[in-house]
Amino acid sequence: MTCRSVHTAREAIKLLRESGFSEEQVRKIITKYPGVLASNADWGLKPKIELFKTMGITGKDLGSLISKVPRLLGCNIDKI
């Protein structure tokens, strides 16, 4: 992994933690969808997490949903 990709991975994990995901949920997400580690936290992941929050899916429910179907973080929300 290059320095840039390590930084990207750390930022993705940091965002998940700051969004209220438990350590177990973060592990499940990374295991099921390792591509999340290559996603830009600010413009790749955060808008998707914010979208779920605007729909009323927050906290424990959001963590549970995303850890069960982590590919949701890879969807193009502009085409929804």
PDB file of N, CA and C in Angstrom:
ATOM      1  N   MET A   1       0.833  -1.176   0.000  1.00  0.00           N
ATOM      2  CA  MET A   1       0.000   0.000   0.000  1.00  0.00           C
ATOM      3  C   MET A   1       0.878   1.239   0.000  1.00  0.00           C
ATOM      4  N   THR A   2       0.495   2.218  -0.790  1.00  0.00           N
ATOM      5  CA  THR A   2       1.251   3.458  -0.814  1.00  0.00           C
ATOM      6  C   THR A   2       0.820   4.353   0.337  1.00  0.00           C
ATOM      7  N   CYS A   3       1.584   5.390   0.563  1.00  0.00           N
ATOM      8  CA  CYS A   3       1.283   6.327   1.646  1.00  0.00           C
ATOM      9  C   CYS A   3      -0.103   6.943   1.450  1.00  0.00           C
ATOM     10  N   ARG A   4      -0.418   7.296   0.223  1.00  0.00           N
ATOM     11  CA  ARG A   4      -1.716   7.909  -0.069  1.00  0.00           C
ATOM     12  C   ARG A   4      -2.863   6.940   0.231  1.00  0.00           C
ATOM     13  N   SER A   5      -2.696   5.671  -0.146  1.00  0.00           N
ATOM     14  CA  SER A   5      -3.770   4.712   0.090  1.00  0.00           C
ATOM     15  C   SER A   5      -3.911   4.378   1.573  1.00  0.00           C
ATOM     16  N   VAL A   6      -2.811   4.410   2.317  1.00  0.00           N
ATOM     17  CA  VAL A   6      -2.893   4.199   3.763  1.00  0.00           C
ATOM     18  C   VAL A   6      -3.670   5.349   4.390  1.00  0.00           C
ATOM     19  N   HIS A   7      -3.386   6.565   3.951  1.00  0.00           N
ATOM     20  CA  HIS A   7      -4.107   7.732   4.458  1.00  0.00           C
ATOM     21  C   HIS A   7      -5.600   7.624   4.131  1.00  0.00           C
ATOM     22  N   THR A   8      -5.918   7.229   2.906  1.00  0.00           N
ATOM     23  CA  THR A   8      -7.312   7.075   2.486  1.00  0.00           C
ATOM     24  C   THR A   8      -8.014   6.029   3.341  1.00  0.00           C
ATOM     25  N   ALA A   9      -7.364   4.912   3.590  1.00  0.00           N
ATOM     26  CA  ALA A   9      -7.941   3.845   4.410  1.00  0.00           C
ATOM     27  C   ALA A   9      -8.176   4.331   5.839  1.00  0.00           C
ATOM     28  N   ARG A  10      -7.210   5.031   6.387  1.00  0.00           N
ATOM     29  CA  ARG A  10      -7.363   5.552   7.758  1.00  0.00           C
ATOM     30  C   ARG A  10      -8.516   6.540   7.852  1.00  0.00           C
ATOM     31  N   GLU A  11      -8.634   7.395   6.854  1.00  0.00           N
ATOM     32  CA  GLU A  11      -9.715   8.380   6.855  1.00  0.00           C
ATOM     33  C   GLU A  11     -11.085   7.703   6.723  1.00  0.00           C
ATOM     34  N   ALA A  12     -11.171   6.648   5.925  1.00  0.00           N
ATOM     35  CA  ALA A  12     -12.423   5.908   5.781  1.00  0.00           C
ATOM     36  C   ALA A  12     -12.821   5.269   7.111  1.00  0.00           C
ATOM     37  N   ILE A  13     -11.858   4.637   7.776  1.00  0.00           N
ATOM     38  CA  ILE A  13     -12.130   4.010   9.075  1.00  0.00           C
ATOM     39  C   ILE A  13     -12.518   5.061  10.103  1.00  0.00           C
ATOM     40  N   LYS A  14     -11.831   6.175  10.101  1.00  0.00           N
ATOM     41  CA  LYS A  14     -12.129   7.269  11.032  1.00  0.00           C
ATOM     42  C   LYS A  14     -13.558   7.766  10.827  1.00  0.00           C
ATOM     43  N   LEU A  15     -13.971   7.934   9.571  1.00  0.00           N
ATOM     44  CA  LEU A  15     -15.329   8.397   9.286  1.00  0.00           C
ATOM     45  C   LEU A  15     -16.369   7.405   9.797  1.00  0.00           C
ATOM     46  N   LEU A  16     -16.132   6.121   9.581  1.00  0.00           N
ATOM     47  CA  LEU A  16     -17.076   5.115  10.057  1.00  0.00           C
ATOM     48  C   LEU A  16     -17.209   5.178  11.574  1.00  0.00           C
ATOM     49  N   ARG A  17     -16.092   5.278  12.247  1.00  0.00           N
ATOM     50  CA  ARG A  17     -16.114   5.365  13.713  1.00  0.00           C
ATOM     51  C   ARG A  17     -16.834   6.622  14.178  1.00  0.00           C
ATOM     52  N   GLU A  18     -16.531   7.757  13.544  1.00  0.00           N
ATOM     53  CA  GLU A  18     -17.159   9.020  13.926  1.00  0.00           C
ATOM     54  C   GLU A  18     -18.653   9.044  13.615  1.00  0.00           C
ATOM     55  N   SER A  19     -19.070   8.188  12.695  1.00  0.00           N
ATOM     56  CA  SER A  19     -20.492   8.114  12.329  1.00  0.00           C
ATOM     57  C   SER A  19     -21.278   7.209  13.267  1.00  0.00           C
ATOM     58  N   GLY A  20     -20.585   6.649  14.261  1.00  0.00           N
ATOM     59  CA  GLY A  20     -21.259   5.851  15.276  1.00  0.00           C
ATOM     60  C   GLY A  20     -21.206   4.351  15.079  1.00  0.00           C
ATOM     61  N   PHE A  21     -20.419   3.894  14.128  1.00  0.00           N
ATOM     62  CA  PHE A  21     -20.296   2.466  13.907  1.00  0.00           C
ATOM     63  C   PHE A  21     -19.425   1.861  15.007  1.00  0.00           C
ATOM     64  N   SER A  22     -19.817   0.702  15.491  1.00  0.00           N
ATOM     65  CA  SER A  22     -19.013   0.002  16.501  1.00  0.00           C
ATOM     66  C   SER A  22     -17.788  -0.608  15.822  1.00  0.00           C
ATOM     67  N   GLU A  23     -16.805  -0.984  16.634  1.00  0.00           N
ATOM     68  CA  GLU A  23     -15.605  -1.612  16.082  1.00  0.00           C
ATOM     69  C   GLU A  23     -15.959  -2.905  15.344  1.00  0.00           C
ATOM     70  N   GLU A  24     -16.902  -3.660  15.882  1.00  0.00           N
ATOM     71  CA  GLU A  24     -17.341  -4.903  15.231  1.00  0.00           C
ATOM     72  C   GLU A  24     -17.982  -4.598  13.879  1.00  0.00           C
ATOM     73  N   GLN A  25     -18.788  -3.554  13.809  1.00  0.00           N
ATOM     74  CA  GLN A  25     -19.418  -3.174  12.548  1.00  0.00           C
ATOM     75  C   GLN A  25     -18.369  -2.725  11.532  1.00  0.00           C
ATOM     76  N   VAL A  26     -17.388  -1.960  11.975  1.00  0.00           N
ATOM     77  CA  VAL A  26     -16.313  -1.518  11.079  1.00  0.00           C
ATOM     78  C   VAL A  26     -15.567  -2.738  10.536  1.00  0.00           C
ATOM     79  N   ARG A  27     -15.267  -3.703  11.382  1.00  0.00           N
ATOM     80  CA  ARG A  27     -14.584  -4.930  10.934  1.00  0.00           C
ATOM     81  C   ARG A  27     -15.423  -5.680   9.899  1.00  0.00           C
ATOM     82  N   LYS A  28     -16.727  -5.803  10.155  1.00  0.00           N
ATOM     83  CA  LYS A  28     -17.602  -6.514   9.212  1.00  0.00           C
ATOM     84  C   LYS A  28     -17.639  -5.801   7.870  1.00  0.00           C
ATOM     85  N   ILE A  29     -17.730  -4.487   7.900  1.00  0.00           N
ATOM     86  CA  ILE A  29     -17.780  -3.713   6.658  1.00  0.00           C
ATOM     87  C   ILE A  29     -16.506  -3.932   5.848  1.00  0.00           C
ATOM     88  N   ILE A  30     -15.363  -3.834   6.497  1.00  0.00           N
ATOM     89  CA  ILE A  30     -14.084  -4.004   5.796  1.00  0.00           C
ATOM     90  C   ILE A  30     -13.921  -5.421   5.279  1.00  0.00           C
ATOM     91  N   THR A  31     -14.350  -6.403   6.054  1.00  0.00           N
ATOM     92  CA  THR A  31     -14.245  -7.800   5.637  1.00  0.00           C
ATOM     93  C   THR A  31     -15.131  -8.086   4.429  1.00  0.00           C
ATOM     94  N   LYS A  32     -16.362  -7.596   4.467  1.00  0.00           N
ATOM     95  CA  LYS A  32     -17.311  -7.872   3.383  1.00  0.00           C
ATOM     96  C   LYS A  32     -17.090  -6.988   2.162  1.00  0.00           C
ATOM     97  N   TYR A  33     -16.590  -5.773   2.381  1.00  0.00           N
ATOM     98  CA  TYR A  33     -16.407  -4.820   1.288  1.00  0.00           C
ATOM     99  C   TYR A  33     -15.095  -4.061   1.473  1.00  0.00           C
ATOM    100  N   PRO A  34     -13.962  -4.729   1.194  1.00  0.00           N
ATOM    101  CA  PRO A  34     -12.666  -4.081   1.393  1.00  0.00           C
ATOM    102  C   PRO A  34     -12.465  -2.831   0.539  1.00  0.00           C
ATOM    103  N   GLY A  35     -13.248  -2.679  -0.498  1.00  0.00           N
ATOM    104  CA  GLY A  35     -13.169  -1.487  -1.337  1.00  0.00           C
ATOM    105  C   GLY A  35     -13.441  -0.207  -0.584  1.00  0.00           C
ATOM    106  N   VAL A  36     -14.100  -0.324   0.563  1.00  0.00           N
ATOM    107  CA  VAL A  36     -14.381   0.855   1.376  1.00  0.00           C
ATOM    108  C   VAL A  36     -13.084   1.529   1.801  1.00  0.00           C
ATOM    109  N   LEU A  37     -12.017   0.766   1.935  1.00  0.00           N
ATOM    110  CA  LEU A  37     -10.734   1.324   2.352  1.00  0.00           C
ATOM    111  C   LEU A  37     -10.095   2.198   1.278  1.00  0.00           C
ATOM    112  N   ALA A  38     -10.525   2.025   0.042  1.00  0.00           N
ATOM    113  CA  ALA A  38      -9.999   2.828  -1.059  1.00  0.00           C
ATOM    114  C   ALA A  38     -10.908   4.007  -1.381  1.00  0.00           C
ATOM    115  N   SER A  39     -12.012   4.116  -0.669  1.00  0.00           N
ATOM    116  CA  SER A  39     -12.970   5.189  -0.923  1.00  0.00           C
ATOM    117  C   SER A  39     -12.561   6.461  -0.202  1.00  0.00           C
ATOM    118  N   ASN A  40     -12.692   7.564  -0.896  1.00  0.00           N
ATOM    119  CA  ASN A  40     -12.411   8.855  -0.279  1.00  0.00           C
ATOM    120  C   ASN A  40     -13.478   9.140   0.761  1.00  0.00           C
ATOM    121  N   ALA A  41     -13.059   9.420   1.974  1.00  0.00           N
ATOM    122  CA  ALA A  41     -13.998   9.630   3.076  1.00  0.00           C
ATOM    123  C   ALA A  41     -14.900  10.840   2.836  1.00  0.00           C
ATOM    124  N   ASP A  42     -14.328  11.941   2.354  1.00  0.00           N
ATOM    125  CA  ASP A  42     -15.097  13.182   2.227  1.00  0.00           C
ATOM    126  C   ASP A  42     -16.110  13.179   1.084  1.00  0.00           C
ATOM    127  N   TRP A  43     -15.710  12.733  -0.086  1.00  0.00           N
ATOM    128  CA  TRP A  43     -16.656  12.788  -1.202  1.00  0.00           C
ATOM    129  C   TRP A  43     -17.130  11.431  -1.663  1.00  0.00           C
ATOM    130  N   GLY A  44     -16.577  10.357  -1.121  1.00  0.00           N
ATOM    131  CA  GLY A  44     -17.017   9.023  -1.516  1.00  0.00           C
ATOM    132  C   GLY A  44     -17.938   8.358  -0.506  1.00  0.00           C
ATOM    133  N   LEU A  45     -17.640   8.527   0.782  1.00  0.00           N
ATOM    134  CA  LEU A  45     -18.411   7.844   1.819  1.00  0.00           C
ATOM    135  C   LEU A  45     -19.367   8.758   2.578  1.00  0.00           C
ATOM    136  N   LYS A  46     -18.888   9.923   2.951  1.00  0.00           N
ATOM    137  CA  LYS A  46     -19.681  10.816   3.792  1.00  0.00           C
ATOM    138  C   LYS A  46     -21.048  11.173   3.184  1.00  0.00           C
ATOM    139  N   PRO A  47     -21.120  11.503   1.885  1.00  0.00           N
ATOM    140  CA  PRO A  47     -22.437  11.820   1.312  1.00  0.00           C
ATOM    141  C   PRO A  47     -23.431  10.660   1.412  1.00  0.00           C
ATOM    142  N   LYS A  48     -22.936   9.442   1.304  1.00  0.00           N
ATOM    143  CA  LYS A  48     -23.821   8.281   1.397  1.00  0.00           C
ATOM    144  C   LYS A  48     -24.320   8.086   2.822  1.00  0.00           C
ATOM    145  N   ILE A  49     -23.418   8.253   3.773  1.00  0.00           N
ATOM    146  CA  ILE A  49     -23.820   8.143   5.177  1.00  0.00           C
ATOM    147  C   ILE A  49     -24.811   9.241   5.527  1.00  0.00           C
ATOM    148  N   GLU A  50     -24.555  10.449   5.033  1.00  0.00           N
ATOM    149  CA  GLU A  50     -25.466  11.574   5.288  1.00  0.00           C
ATOM    150  C   GLU A  50     -26.832  11.332   4.646  1.00  0.00           C
ATOM    151  N   LEU A  51     -26.858  10.707   3.484  1.00  0.00           N
ATOM    152  CA  LEU A  51     -28.128  10.393   2.823  1.00  0.00           C
ATOM    153  C   LEU A  51     -28.985   9.489   3.700  1.00  0.00           C
ATOM    154  N   PHE A  52     -28.387   8.458   4.259  1.00  0.00           N
ATOM    155  CA  PHE A  52     -29.124   7.561   5.150  1.00  0.00           C
ATOM    156  C   PHE A  52     -29.629   8.316   6.379  1.00  0.00           C
ATOM    157  N   LYS A  53     -28.809   9.220   6.890  1.00  0.00           N
ATOM    158  CA  LYS A  53     -29.220   9.998   8.058  1.00  0.00           C
ATOM    159  C   LYS A  53     -30.412  10.894   7.735  1.00  0.00           C
ATOM    160  N   THR A  54     -30.454  11.477   6.534  1.00  0.00           N
ATOM    161  CA  THR A  54     -31.599  12.312   6.160  1.00  0.00           C
ATOM    162  C   THR A  54     -32.872  11.483   5.995  1.00  0.00           C
ATOM    163  N   MET A  55     -32.705  10.187   5.767  1.00  0.00           N
ATOM    164  CA  MET A  55     -33.866   9.297   5.657  1.00  0.00           C
ATOM    165  C   MET A  55     -34.282   8.760   7.019  1.00  0.00           C
ATOM    166  N   GLY A  56     -33.584   9.206   8.081  1.00  0.00           N
ATOM    167  CA  GLY A  56     -33.945   8.804   9.427  1.00  0.00           C
ATOM    168  C   GLY A  56     -33.250   7.549   9.920  1.00  0.00           C
ATOM    169  N   ILE A  57     -32.284   7.048   9.146  1.00  0.00           N
ATOM    170  CA  ILE A  57     -31.535   5.857   9.558  1.00  0.00           C
ATOM    171  C   ILE A  57     -30.248   6.348  10.210  1.00  0.00           C
ATOM    172  N   THR A  58     -30.172   6.242  11.520  1.00  0.00           N
ATOM    173  CA  THR A  58     -29.025   6.777  12.243  1.00  0.00           C
ATOM    174  C   THR A  58     -28.536   5.802  13.311  1.00  0.00           C
ATOM    175  N   GLY A  59     -27.437   6.159  13.916  1.00  0.00           N
ATOM    176  CA  GLY A  59     -26.902   5.430  15.054  1.00  0.00           C
ATOM    177  C   GLY A  59     -26.794   3.934  14.850  1.00  0.00           C
ATOM    178  N   LYS A  60     -27.350   3.218  15.804  1.00  0.00           N
ATOM    179  CA  LYS A  60     -27.270   1.759  15.815  1.00  0.00           C
ATOM    180  C   LYS A  60     -27.897   1.140  14.567  1.00  0.00           C
ATOM    181  N   ASP A  61     -29.024   1.700  14.121  1.00  0.00           N
ATOM    182  CA  ASP A  61     -29.699   1.174  12.924  1.00  0.00           C
ATOM    183  C   ASP A  61     -28.842   1.354  11.675  1.00  0.00           C
ATOM    184  N   LEU A  62     -28.190   2.498  11.562  1.00  0.00           N
ATOM    185  CA  LEU A  62     -27.331   2.752  10.406  1.00  0.00           C
ATOM    186  C   LEU A  62     -26.147   1.795  10.410  1.00  0.00           C
ATOM    187  N   GLY A  63     -25.527   1.639  11.561  1.00  0.00           N
ATOM    188  CA  GLY A  63     -24.400   0.715  11.674  1.00  0.00           C
ATOM    189  C   GLY A  63     -24.799  -0.705  11.338  1.00  0.00           C
ATOM    190  N   SER A  64     -25.972  -1.107  11.797  1.00  0.00           N
ATOM    191  CA  SER A  64     -26.465  -2.456  11.536  1.00  0.00           C
ATOM    192  C   SER A  64     -26.728  -2.661  10.045  1.00  0.00           C
ATOM    193  N   LEU A  65     -27.376  -1.690   9.403  1.00  0.00           N
ATOM    194  CA  LEU A  65     -27.685  -1.786   7.980  1.00  0.00           C
ATOM    195  C   LEU A  65     -26.415  -1.873   7.140  1.00  0.00           C
ATOM    196  N   ILE A  66     -25.504  -0.941   7.362  1.00  0.00           N
ATOM    197  CA  ILE A  66     -24.298  -0.894   6.545  1.00  0.00           C
ATOM    198  C   ILE A  66     -23.407  -2.111   6.800  1.00  0.00           C
ATOM    199  N   SER A  67     -23.345  -2.595   8.026  1.00  0.00           N
ATOM    200  CA  SER A  67     -22.504  -3.772   8.279  1.00  0.00           C
ATOM    201  C   SER A  67     -23.098  -5.031   7.652  1.00  0.00           C
ATOM    202  N   LYS A  68     -24.406  -5.045   7.428  1.00  0.00           N
ATOM    203  CA  LYS A  68     -25.037  -6.193   6.755  1.00  0.00           C
ATOM    204  C   LYS A  68     -24.922  -6.086   5.238  1.00  0.00           C
ATOM    205  N   VAL A  69     -24.999  -4.854   4.708  1.00  0.00           N
ATOM    206  CA  VAL A  69     -24.940  -4.634   3.259  1.00  0.00           C
ATOM    207  C   VAL A  69     -23.944  -3.503   2.977  1.00  0.00           C
ATOM    208  N   PRO A  70     -22.652  -3.757   3.181  1.00  0.00           N
ATOM    209  CA  PRO A  70     -21.672  -2.682   3.038  1.00  0.00           C
ATOM    210  C   PRO A  70     -21.500  -2.146   1.623  1.00  0.00           C
ATOM    211  N   ARG A  71     -21.942  -2.895   0.640  1.00  0.00           N
ATOM    212  CA  ARG A  71     -21.842  -2.412  -0.743  1.00  0.00           C
ATOM    213  C   ARG A  71     -22.700  -1.169  -0.979  1.00  0.00           C
ATOM    214  N   LEU A  72     -23.608  -0.881  -0.039  1.00  0.00           N
ATOM    215  CA  LEU A  72     -24.367   0.362  -0.137  1.00  0.00           C
ATOM    216  C   LEU A  72     -23.430   1.568  -0.167  1.00  0.00           C
ATOM    217  N   LEU A  73     -22.280   1.438   0.467  1.00  0.00           N
ATOM    218  CA  LEU A  73     -21.314   2.535   0.482  1.00  0.00           C
ATOM    219  C   LEU A  73     -20.609   2.682  -0.864  1.00  0.00           C
ATOM    220  N   GLY A  74     -20.763   1.709  -1.741  1.00  0.00           N
ATOM    221  CA  GLY A  74     -20.148   1.772  -3.061  1.00  0.00           C
ATOM    222  C   GLY A  74     -21.103   2.203  -4.159  1.00  0.00           C
ATOM    223  N   CYS A  75     -22.373   2.401  -3.801  1.00  0.00           N
ATOM    224  CA  CYS A  75     -23.381   2.786  -4.795  1.00  0.00           C
ATOM    225  C   CYS A  75     -23.209   4.226  -5.241  1.00  0.00           C
ATOM    226  N   ASN A  76     -23.602   4.495  -6.452  1.00  0.00           N
ATOM    227  CA  ASN A  76     -23.595   5.850  -6.975  1.00  0.00           C
ATOM    228  C   ASN A  76     -24.920   6.514  -6.598  1.00  0.00           C
ATOM    229  N   ILE A  77     -24.894   7.412  -5.634  1.00  0.00           N
ATOM    230  CA  ILE A  77     -26.144   8.006  -5.157  1.00  0.00           C
ATOM    231  C   ILE A  77     -26.735   8.989  -6.145  1.00  0.00           C
ATOM    232  N   ASP A  78     -25.949   9.425  -7.125  1.00  0.00           N
ATOM    233  CA  ASP A  78     -26.478  10.327  -8.140  1.00  0.00           C
ATOM    234  C   ASP A  78     -27.458   9.622  -9.074  1.00  0.00           C
ATOM    235  N   LYS A  79     -27.415   8.288  -9.082  1.00  0.00           N
ATOM    236  CA  LYS A  79     -28.280   7.520  -9.980  1.00  0.00           C
ATOM    237  C   LYS A  79     -29.435   6.865  -9.240  1.00  0.00           C
ATOM    238  N   ILE A  80     -29.619   7.237  -7.965  1.00  0.00           N
ATOM    239  CA  ILE A  80     -30.720   6.661  -7.179  1.00  0.00           C
ATOM    240  C   ILE A  80     -31.970   7.463  -7.436  1.00  0.00           C
TER     241      ILE A  80
END
